[in-house]
Protein backbone atom coordinates (compact mmCIF):
# COMPACT_ATOMS: atom_id res chain seq x y z
CA MET A 1 81.95 2.60 -80.63
CA THR A 2 82.12 1.67 -76.96
CA ASP A 3 84.76 -0.25 -75.05
CA PHE A 4 83.35 -2.97 -72.79
CA VAL A 5 85.39 -4.80 -70.15
CA LEU A 6 83.52 -8.02 -69.40
CA VAL A 7 84.04 -9.91 -66.13
CA ALA A 8 82.21 -13.17 -65.41
CA GLY A 9 81.22 -14.54 -62.04
CA ALA A 10 82.49 -17.39 -59.89
CA TRP A 11 84.28 -20.31 -61.60
CA LEU A 12 84.35 -18.59 -65.00
CA GLY A 13 87.01 -16.90 -67.10
CA ALA A 14 87.11 -14.68 -70.18
CA TRP A 15 85.99 -17.67 -72.27
CA ALA A 16 82.46 -17.32 -70.88
CA TRP A 17 81.96 -14.14 -72.94
CA ASP A 18 82.84 -15.56 -76.39
CA GLU A 19 79.36 -15.21 -77.91
CA VAL A 20 78.53 -11.92 -76.18
CA ALA A 21 81.85 -10.42 -77.31
CA ALA A 22 81.11 -11.50 -80.90
CA GLY A 23 77.70 -9.80 -80.68
CA LEU A 24 79.20 -6.57 -79.37
CA ARG A 25 81.87 -6.51 -82.07
CA ALA A 26 79.23 -7.10 -84.74
CA ALA A 27 77.48 -3.98 -83.43
CA GLY A 28 80.68 -1.95 -83.82
CA ASP A 29 81.84 -2.04 -80.22
CA GLU A 30 85.09 -3.28 -78.68
CA ALA A 31 84.83 -6.16 -76.21
CA HIS A 32 87.58 -6.98 -73.70
CA PRO A 33 86.73 -10.16 -71.74
CA LEU A 34 88.87 -10.45 -68.60
CA THR A 35 89.89 -13.48 -66.56
CA LEU A 36 90.38 -12.70 -62.89
CA THR A 37 93.43 -13.94 -60.98
CA GLY A 38 93.11 -17.54 -59.82
CA LEU A 39 90.59 -18.62 -62.46
CA ALA A 40 90.70 -20.36 -65.86
CA GLU A 41 94.11 -19.80 -67.48
CA LYS A 42 95.19 -17.87 -64.36
CA GLN A 43 94.31 -20.62 -61.88
CA GLY A 44 96.87 -21.57 -59.27
CA SER A 45 97.45 -17.99 -58.09
CA GLU A 46 96.09 -16.85 -54.74
CA ALA A 47 93.64 -13.96 -54.92
CA GLY A 48 91.57 -11.89 -52.54
CA LEU A 49 88.84 -9.45 -53.45
CA GLN A 50 91.22 -6.51 -53.79
CA THR A 51 93.35 -8.57 -56.18
CA HIS A 52 90.29 -8.84 -58.42
CA VAL A 53 89.52 -5.13 -58.11
CA GLN A 54 93.07 -4.38 -59.20
CA ASP A 55 92.75 -6.85 -62.09
CA VAL A 56 89.93 -4.74 -63.51
CA VAL A 57 91.66 -1.39 -62.96
CA ASP A 58 94.91 -2.71 -64.45
CA GLU A 59 93.12 -3.98 -67.55
CA VAL A 60 91.54 -0.58 -68.20
CA GLU A 61 94.92 1.09 -67.76
CA ARG A 62 96.76 -1.51 -69.87
CA LEU A 63 94.34 -0.97 -72.75
CA GLY A 64 94.38 2.81 -72.32
CA LEU A 65 90.59 3.02 -72.16
CA ALA A 66 89.10 6.44 -71.49
CA ASP A 67 85.33 5.95 -71.91
CA VAL A 68 84.69 2.43 -70.67
CA VAL A 69 81.67 0.34 -69.68
CA LEU A 70 82.50 -2.16 -66.94
CA VAL A 71 80.33 -5.29 -66.94
CA GLY A 72 80.20 -7.58 -63.89
CA HIS A 73 78.22 -10.81 -63.74
CA SER A 74 77.20 -12.43 -60.44
CA TYR A 75 80.19 -12.38 -58.03
CA ALA A 76 82.13 -10.11 -60.40
CA GLY A 77 79.79 -7.24 -59.61
CA VAL A 78 81.61 -6.88 -56.29
CA PRO A 79 85.10 -6.19 -57.73
CA VAL A 80 83.72 -4.39 -60.79
CA GLY A 81 81.68 -1.99 -58.65
CA GLN A 82 84.76 -1.10 -56.62
CA ALA A 83 86.93 -0.69 -59.72
CA ALA A 84 84.28 1.59 -61.24
CA GLU A 85 84.63 4.28 -58.58
CA ARG A 86 88.42 4.23 -58.96
CA LEU A 87 88.27 5.01 -62.68
CA GLY A 88 86.86 8.51 -62.23
CA ASP A 89 85.97 10.19 -65.52
CA ARG A 90 87.28 7.22 -67.53
CA LEU A 91 84.06 5.39 -66.64
CA ARG A 92 81.01 5.69 -68.89
CA ARG A 93 78.75 3.16 -67.14
CA VAL A 94 78.64 0.12 -64.89
CA VAL A 95 76.47 -2.83 -65.91
CA TYR A 96 75.61 -5.48 -63.31
CA VAL A 97 74.39 -8.71 -64.91
CA ASP A 98 72.27 -10.46 -62.25
CA ALA A 99 75.13 -9.48 -59.99
CA ASN A 100 76.00 -8.69 -56.41
CA VAL A 101 76.62 -4.99 -55.84
CA PRO A 102 79.43 -4.04 -53.44
CA SER A 103 78.69 -2.50 -50.07
CA ASP A 104 81.47 -0.99 -47.99
CA GLY A 105 82.65 -3.42 -45.33
CA ALA A 106 80.59 -6.34 -46.67
CA SER A 107 81.85 -9.39 -48.53
CA PHE A 108 80.24 -11.38 -51.33
CA LEU A 109 79.10 -13.89 -48.71
CA SER A 110 77.55 -11.27 -46.43
CA GLY A 111 73.79 -10.99 -46.20
CA TRP A 112 72.71 -14.43 -47.41
CA PRO A 113 72.86 -17.95 -45.94
CA SER A 114 76.40 -18.83 -46.97
CA ASP A 115 77.72 -21.07 -44.20
CA HIS A 116 77.77 -23.99 -46.64
CA VAL A 117 80.05 -22.00 -48.95
CA ARG A 118 82.43 -21.17 -46.11
CA ARG A 119 82.54 -24.85 -45.10
CA SER A 120 83.22 -25.88 -48.69
CA ILE A 121 86.07 -23.38 -48.97
CA ALA A 122 87.60 -24.68 -45.74
CA GLU A 123 87.30 -28.27 -46.97
CA HIS A 124 88.89 -27.56 -50.36
CA ASP A 125 92.14 -25.79 -49.46
CA GLY A 126 90.71 -22.28 -49.73
CA LEU A 127 88.84 -22.81 -53.00
CA TRP A 128 85.13 -22.88 -53.81
CA PRO A 129 84.77 -25.90 -56.10
CA THR A 130 82.80 -25.78 -59.32
CA PRO A 131 79.31 -27.22 -58.68
CA GLY A 132 77.83 -30.19 -60.47
CA ALA A 133 75.41 -29.99 -63.38
CA GLU A 134 72.38 -30.19 -61.09
CA GLU A 135 73.11 -26.71 -59.72
CA PHE A 136 72.50 -25.16 -63.14
CA ALA A 137 69.07 -26.74 -63.75
CA GLY A 138 66.06 -24.50 -64.34
CA GLN A 139 68.13 -21.57 -65.61
CA GLY A 140 67.35 -21.72 -69.32
CA LEU A 141 70.54 -23.59 -70.22
CA THR A 142 70.84 -26.51 -72.61
CA ASP A 143 72.55 -29.72 -71.53
CA GLU A 144 75.49 -28.77 -73.74
CA GLN A 145 75.81 -25.34 -72.14
CA ILE A 146 75.70 -26.81 -68.65
CA ALA A 147 78.32 -29.39 -69.61
CA ARG A 148 80.61 -26.63 -70.83
CA ILE A 149 80.28 -24.59 -67.64
CA VAL A 150 80.99 -27.65 -65.50
CA SER A 151 83.92 -28.88 -67.62
CA ASP A 152 85.59 -25.51 -68.28
CA GLY A 153 84.82 -23.87 -64.93
CA THR A 154 87.58 -23.78 -62.32
CA PRO A 155 87.50 -23.59 -58.51
CA HIS A 156 87.11 -20.02 -57.28
CA PRO A 157 89.59 -18.40 -54.83
CA GLY A 158 87.79 -18.43 -51.51
CA ALA A 159 89.49 -15.34 -50.08
CA SER A 160 87.87 -13.17 -52.74
CA LEU A 161 84.46 -14.23 -51.42
CA THR A 162 85.14 -13.47 -47.76
CA GLU A 163 87.20 -10.26 -48.00
CA PRO A 164 85.14 -7.09 -47.40
CA ALA A 165 84.61 -4.48 -50.08
CA ARG A 166 86.17 -1.01 -49.80
CA LEU A 167 84.16 1.91 -51.13
CA THR A 168 84.47 5.65 -50.67
CA ARG A 169 81.12 6.54 -52.26
CA SER A 170 77.76 4.88 -52.80
CA PRO A 171 77.18 2.83 -55.97
CA ALA A 172 73.99 4.91 -56.31
CA GLU A 173 76.12 7.82 -57.53
CA LEU A 174 77.49 6.04 -60.61
CA PRO A 175 75.71 5.67 -63.98
CA THR A 176 74.52 2.07 -63.84
CA THR A 177 72.37 -0.49 -65.60
CA TYR A 178 71.16 -3.52 -63.65
CA VAL A 179 70.24 -6.53 -65.79
CA LYS A 180 67.78 -8.78 -63.94
CA CYS A 181 67.55 -12.37 -65.14
CA LEU A 182 63.97 -13.31 -64.38
CA LEU A 183 64.33 -17.10 -64.08
CA ASP A 184 66.66 -16.45 -61.17
CA GLY A 185 63.87 -14.55 -59.39
CA PRO A 186 61.57 -11.85 -60.81
CA GLU A 187 62.81 -9.10 -58.50
CA PRO A 188 66.28 -8.01 -57.41
CA SER A 189 67.45 -7.97 -53.83
CA ASP A 190 66.16 -5.26 -51.51
CA GLU A 191 69.54 -3.54 -51.71
CA VAL A 192 69.46 -3.42 -55.51
CA ALA A 193 65.79 -2.35 -55.51
CA ALA A 194 66.74 0.63 -53.35
CA LEU A 195 69.63 1.55 -55.65
CA LEU A 196 67.34 1.39 -58.69
CA LYS A 197 65.42 4.33 -57.22
CA SER A 198 68.45 6.58 -57.73
CA GLU A 199 68.51 8.77 -60.83
CA PRO A 200 71.66 7.33 -62.50
CA TRP A 201 70.36 3.74 -62.35
CA ARG A 202 68.35 1.89 -65.01
CA ARG A 203 66.92 -1.62 -65.10
CA ALA A 204 66.79 -4.10 -67.99
CA ASP A 205 65.19 -7.55 -67.85
CA LEU A 206 66.13 -10.80 -69.55
CA ASP A 207 63.69 -13.71 -69.58
CA THR A 208 66.36 -16.28 -68.81
CA GLY A 209 68.44 -17.61 -65.94
CA HIS A 210 71.55 -16.53 -64.08
CA TRP A 211 74.02 -17.30 -66.88
CA PRO A 212 72.70 -15.25 -69.84
CA MET A 213 76.09 -15.13 -71.59
CA PHE A 214 75.36 -18.78 -72.43
CA SER A 215 71.55 -18.93 -72.57
CA GLN A 216 70.83 -15.61 -74.35
CA PRO A 217 74.14 -14.12 -75.58
CA ARG A 218 72.62 -12.13 -78.44
CA GLU A 219 70.00 -10.51 -76.22
CA LEU A 220 72.60 -9.74 -73.57
CA ALA A 221 74.91 -8.19 -76.19
CA ARG A 222 72.01 -6.04 -77.39
CA ILE A 223 71.25 -4.80 -73.87
CA LEU A 224 74.92 -4.02 -73.27
CA HIS A 225 75.20 -2.12 -76.53
CA GLU A 226 72.05 -0.12 -75.80
CA SER A 227 73.18 0.62 -72.23
CA ALA A 228 76.03 2.74 -73.54
CA VAL A 229 73.83 5.00 -75.68
């Protein structure tokens, strides 16, 4: 039995993991979906990146987990990767699901053309609004799944996207699985490709888009379960 703490990306809360969590529990694991501050049922609270890092660390401590797999999807890879190094020997593995990996001194918005995101945050009182349905096209999602993401998603705290990460060691040193969703591009970023050359890192592929907790929850649950073996 493995304990998984599951953290979804921008606009999403713990609810995004319902089907994946059910799959993990059916396999005999424990699943602990986590909503980050400022999102879903916690919306309305201000949050920077370090708030979200602390959210993850606090959840592990609250649950008393000693051999935990941290799972970060998309944006959530940035706080999850920082939380992972703070857990010490309580960490079994990090799993990045088509996620950004933290780099010391860099923010989620660093390294890609993100001026439009910064403008949107400035125009929406410090929040990154949930995109419309058209932004989720071509990612292996049904119309019903897209409608749920759009209706249940909540604006994302902008400060968490612009605040730089703080790391004391390279993510290459931690036991890690990177799940690449192939419809979102067949190869990971150059940074992730370099990290995958390190001995503690493994790669797993999913033939779906960027939101596999909706499009392929059973397959994602299987990969997560196998990552802990």
